[in-house]
Amino acid sequence: MSYELLVNGRKLATYEHPEDALDRVRTLMMCDCNAEPEVLDSRTGHAFEVAASLRWREELASKIGY
């Protein structure tokens, strides 16, 4: 399986393991806390876990009143 890292809607890289993509997300967020990272399963095109996509984060935020 492979995992795509998107930042602000643009594909940045593809990783074989989600942990590698998450490591890159952590680094990016330390540099730019306003970035919108997403880690998607390349096979399905969906977020590989809860809140790994912008759409999912927006839905969760609306449910708690933000």
N, C-alpha and C. Protein backbone atom coordinates (compact mmCIF):
# COMPACT_ATOMS: atom_id res chain seq x y z
N MET A 1 0.84 -1.17 0.00
CA MET A 1 0.00 0.00 0.00
C MET A 1 0.88 1.24 0.00
N SER A 2 0.33 2.36 -0.47
CA SER A 2 1.06 3.61 -0.40
C SER A 2 0.13 4.70 0.13
N TYR A 3 0.76 5.74 0.65
CA TYR A 3 0.03 6.83 1.28
C TYR A 3 0.50 8.15 0.70
N GLU A 4 -0.44 8.97 0.30
CA GLU A 4 -0.12 10.25 -0.30
C GLU A 4 -0.21 11.34 0.76
N LEU A 5 0.78 12.20 0.77
CA LEU A 5 0.76 13.36 1.65
C LEU A 5 0.41 14.57 0.80
N LEU A 6 -0.70 15.20 1.14
CA LEU A 6 -1.11 16.44 0.48
C LEU A 6 -1.00 17.56 1.49
N VAL A 7 -0.53 18.72 1.04
CA VAL A 7 -0.47 19.89 1.89
C VAL A 7 -1.14 21.02 1.14
N ASN A 8 -2.15 21.59 1.76
CA ASN A 8 -2.94 22.66 1.16
C ASN A 8 -3.47 22.25 -0.23
N GLY A 9 -3.89 20.99 -0.32
CA GLY A 9 -4.50 20.49 -1.54
C GLY A 9 -3.53 20.03 -2.63
N ARG A 10 -2.24 20.13 -2.39
CA ARG A 10 -1.25 19.72 -3.39
C ARG A 10 -0.50 18.48 -2.91
N LYS A 11 -0.30 17.56 -3.83
CA LYS A 11 0.45 16.35 -3.49
C LYS A 11 1.91 16.70 -3.27
N LEU A 12 2.40 16.33 -2.08
CA LEU A 12 3.79 16.62 -1.74
C LEU A 12 4.68 15.40 -1.92
N ALA A 13 4.18 14.23 -1.50
CA ALA A 13 4.99 13.02 -1.58
C ALA A 13 4.10 11.79 -1.42
N THR A 14 4.68 10.63 -1.75
CA THR A 14 4.03 9.35 -1.54
C THR A 14 4.95 8.49 -0.68
N TYR A 15 4.36 7.83 0.31
CA TYR A 15 5.13 7.02 1.24
C TYR A 15 4.58 5.59 1.27
N GLU A 16 5.44 4.66 1.54
CA GLU A 16 5.03 3.26 1.62
C GLU A 16 4.33 2.97 2.94
N HIS A 17 4.73 3.67 4.00
CA HIS A 17 4.17 3.46 5.33
C HIS A 17 3.57 4.75 5.87
N PRO A 18 2.42 4.67 6.53
CA PRO A 18 1.78 5.89 7.04
C PRO A 18 2.63 6.60 8.10
N GLU A 19 3.43 5.85 8.84
CA GLU A 19 4.27 6.46 9.87
C GLU A 19 5.24 7.46 9.26
N ASP A 20 5.76 7.14 8.07
CA ASP A 20 6.68 8.05 7.39
C ASP A 20 5.96 9.35 6.99
N ALA A 21 4.73 9.21 6.51
CA ALA A 21 3.95 10.39 6.15
C ALA A 21 3.65 11.23 7.38
N LEU A 22 3.32 10.59 8.49
CA LEU A 22 3.02 11.33 9.71
C LEU A 22 4.25 12.03 10.27
N ASP A 23 5.42 11.42 10.14
CA ASP A 23 6.66 12.08 10.55
C ASP A 23 6.85 13.37 9.77
N ARG A 24 6.59 13.31 8.47
CA ARG A 24 6.72 14.50 7.63
C ARG A 24 5.69 15.55 8.01
N VAL A 25 4.47 15.12 8.34
CA VAL A 25 3.43 16.06 8.77
C VAL A 25 3.87 16.78 10.03
N ARG A 26 4.42 16.05 10.99
CA ARG A 26 4.89 16.68 12.22
C ARG A 26 5.93 17.75 11.94
N THR A 27 6.87 17.44 11.07
CA THR A 27 7.91 18.40 10.71
C THR A 27 7.30 19.63 10.04
N LEU A 28 6.40 19.40 9.11
CA LEU A 28 5.75 20.52 8.41
C LEU A 28 4.97 21.41 9.36
N MET A 29 4.27 20.81 10.30
CA MET A 29 3.45 21.59 11.22
C MET A 29 4.30 22.43 12.16
N MET A 30 5.51 21.99 12.45
CA MET A 30 6.41 22.81 13.27
C MET A 30 6.87 24.04 12.50
N CYS A 31 6.95 23.91 11.18
CA CYS A 31 7.39 25.03 10.33
C CYS A 31 6.24 25.96 9.97
N ASP A 32 5.06 25.42 9.80
CA ASP A 32 3.90 26.21 9.37
C ASP A 32 2.64 25.63 10.00
N CYS A 33 2.24 26.21 11.12
CA CYS A 33 1.09 25.67 11.85
C CYS A 33 -0.23 25.92 11.12
N ASN A 34 -0.23 26.74 10.07
CA ASN A 34 -1.45 27.00 9.31
C ASN A 34 -1.60 26.09 8.09
N ALA A 35 -0.64 25.22 7.87
CA ALA A 35 -0.72 24.27 6.75
C ALA A 35 -1.87 23.30 6.98
N GLU A 36 -2.44 22.79 5.90
CA GLU A 36 -3.54 21.82 5.98
C GLU A 36 -3.06 20.49 5.41
N PRO A 37 -2.42 19.66 6.23
CA PRO A 37 -1.94 18.37 5.72
C PRO A 37 -3.04 17.32 5.66
N GLU A 38 -2.92 16.42 4.70
CA GLU A 38 -3.83 15.29 4.58
C GLU A 38 -3.00 14.07 4.22
N VAL A 39 -3.32 12.93 4.83
CA VAL A 39 -2.67 11.68 4.49
C VAL A 39 -3.76 10.73 4.00
N LEU A 40 -3.66 10.38 2.71
CA LEU A 40 -4.69 9.57 2.08
C LEU A 40 -4.13 8.22 1.66
N ASP A 41 -4.96 7.21 1.77
CA ASP A 41 -4.64 5.88 1.27
C ASP A 41 -4.72 5.97 -0.26
N SER A 42 -3.63 5.71 -0.94
CA SER A 42 -3.59 5.84 -2.40
C SER A 42 -4.56 4.90 -3.10
N ARG A 43 -4.82 3.76 -2.50
CA ARG A 43 -5.70 2.77 -3.11
C ARG A 43 -7.15 3.23 -3.11
N THR A 44 -7.59 3.82 -2.00
CA THR A 44 -9.00 4.21 -1.87
C THR A 44 -9.23 5.70 -2.10
N GLY A 45 -8.20 6.51 -1.89
CA GLY A 45 -8.37 7.95 -2.00
C GLY A 45 -8.99 8.58 -0.77
N HIS A 46 -9.19 7.78 0.28
CA HIS A 46 -9.78 8.28 1.52
C HIS A 46 -8.71 8.45 2.59
N ALA A 47 -9.05 9.23 3.61
CA ALA A 47 -8.15 9.41 4.74
C ALA A 47 -7.82 8.04 5.34
N PHE A 48 -6.57 7.86 5.74
CA PHE A 48 -6.19 6.54 6.23
C PHE A 48 -6.57 6.34 7.69
N GLU A 49 -6.91 7.42 8.41
CA GLU A 49 -7.42 7.30 9.78
C GLU A 49 -8.22 8.54 10.11
N VAL A 50 -8.88 8.54 11.25
CA VAL A 50 -9.74 9.65 11.66
C VAL A 50 -8.95 10.96 11.64
N ALA A 51 -9.57 11.97 11.04
CA ALA A 51 -9.05 13.34 10.97
C ALA A 51 -7.80 13.47 10.11
N ALA A 52 -7.50 12.50 9.28
CA ALA A 52 -6.34 12.60 8.40
C ALA A 52 -6.64 13.37 7.13
N SER A 53 -7.89 13.83 6.97
CA SER A 53 -8.23 14.64 5.80
C SER A 53 -8.89 15.94 6.27
N LEU A 54 -8.77 16.95 5.43
CA LEU A 54 -9.35 18.25 5.74
C LEU A 54 -10.86 18.14 5.91
N ARG A 55 -11.53 17.43 5.02
CA ARG A 55 -12.99 17.29 5.10
C ARG A 55 -13.41 16.67 6.43
N TRP A 56 -12.69 15.65 6.86
CA TRP A 56 -13.02 14.97 8.11
C TRP A 56 -12.80 15.91 9.31
N ARG A 57 -11.72 16.69 9.29
CA ARG A 57 -11.47 17.63 10.39
C ARG A 57 -12.55 18.69 10.45
N GLU A 58 -12.98 19.18 9.30
CA GLU A 58 -14.06 20.20 9.28
C GLU A 58 -15.35 19.62 9.83
N GLU A 59 -15.66 18.37 9.49
CA GLU A 59 -16.88 17.75 10.00
C GLU A 59 -16.81 17.57 11.52
N LEU A 60 -15.66 17.14 12.03
CA LEU A 60 -15.51 16.99 13.47
C LEU A 60 -15.60 18.34 14.18
N ALA A 61 -15.00 19.37 13.61
CA ALA A 61 -15.05 20.71 14.22
C ALA A 61 -16.48 21.22 14.26
N SER A 62 -17.27 21.00 13.22
CA SER A 62 -18.65 21.48 13.21
C SER A 62 -19.48 20.73 14.24
N LYS A 63 -19.17 19.47 14.48
CA LYS A 63 -19.93 18.69 15.46
C LYS A 63 -19.70 19.19 16.89
N ILE A 64 -18.52 19.76 17.14
CA ILE A 64 -18.26 20.24 18.50
C ILE A 64 -18.48 21.74 18.63
N GLY A 65 -18.95 22.37 17.55
CA GLY A 65 -19.37 23.76 17.64
C GLY A 65 -18.35 24.80 17.20
N TYR A 66 -17.33 24.42 16.45
CA TYR A 66 -16.37 25.41 15.95
C TYR A 66 -16.73 25.86 14.57
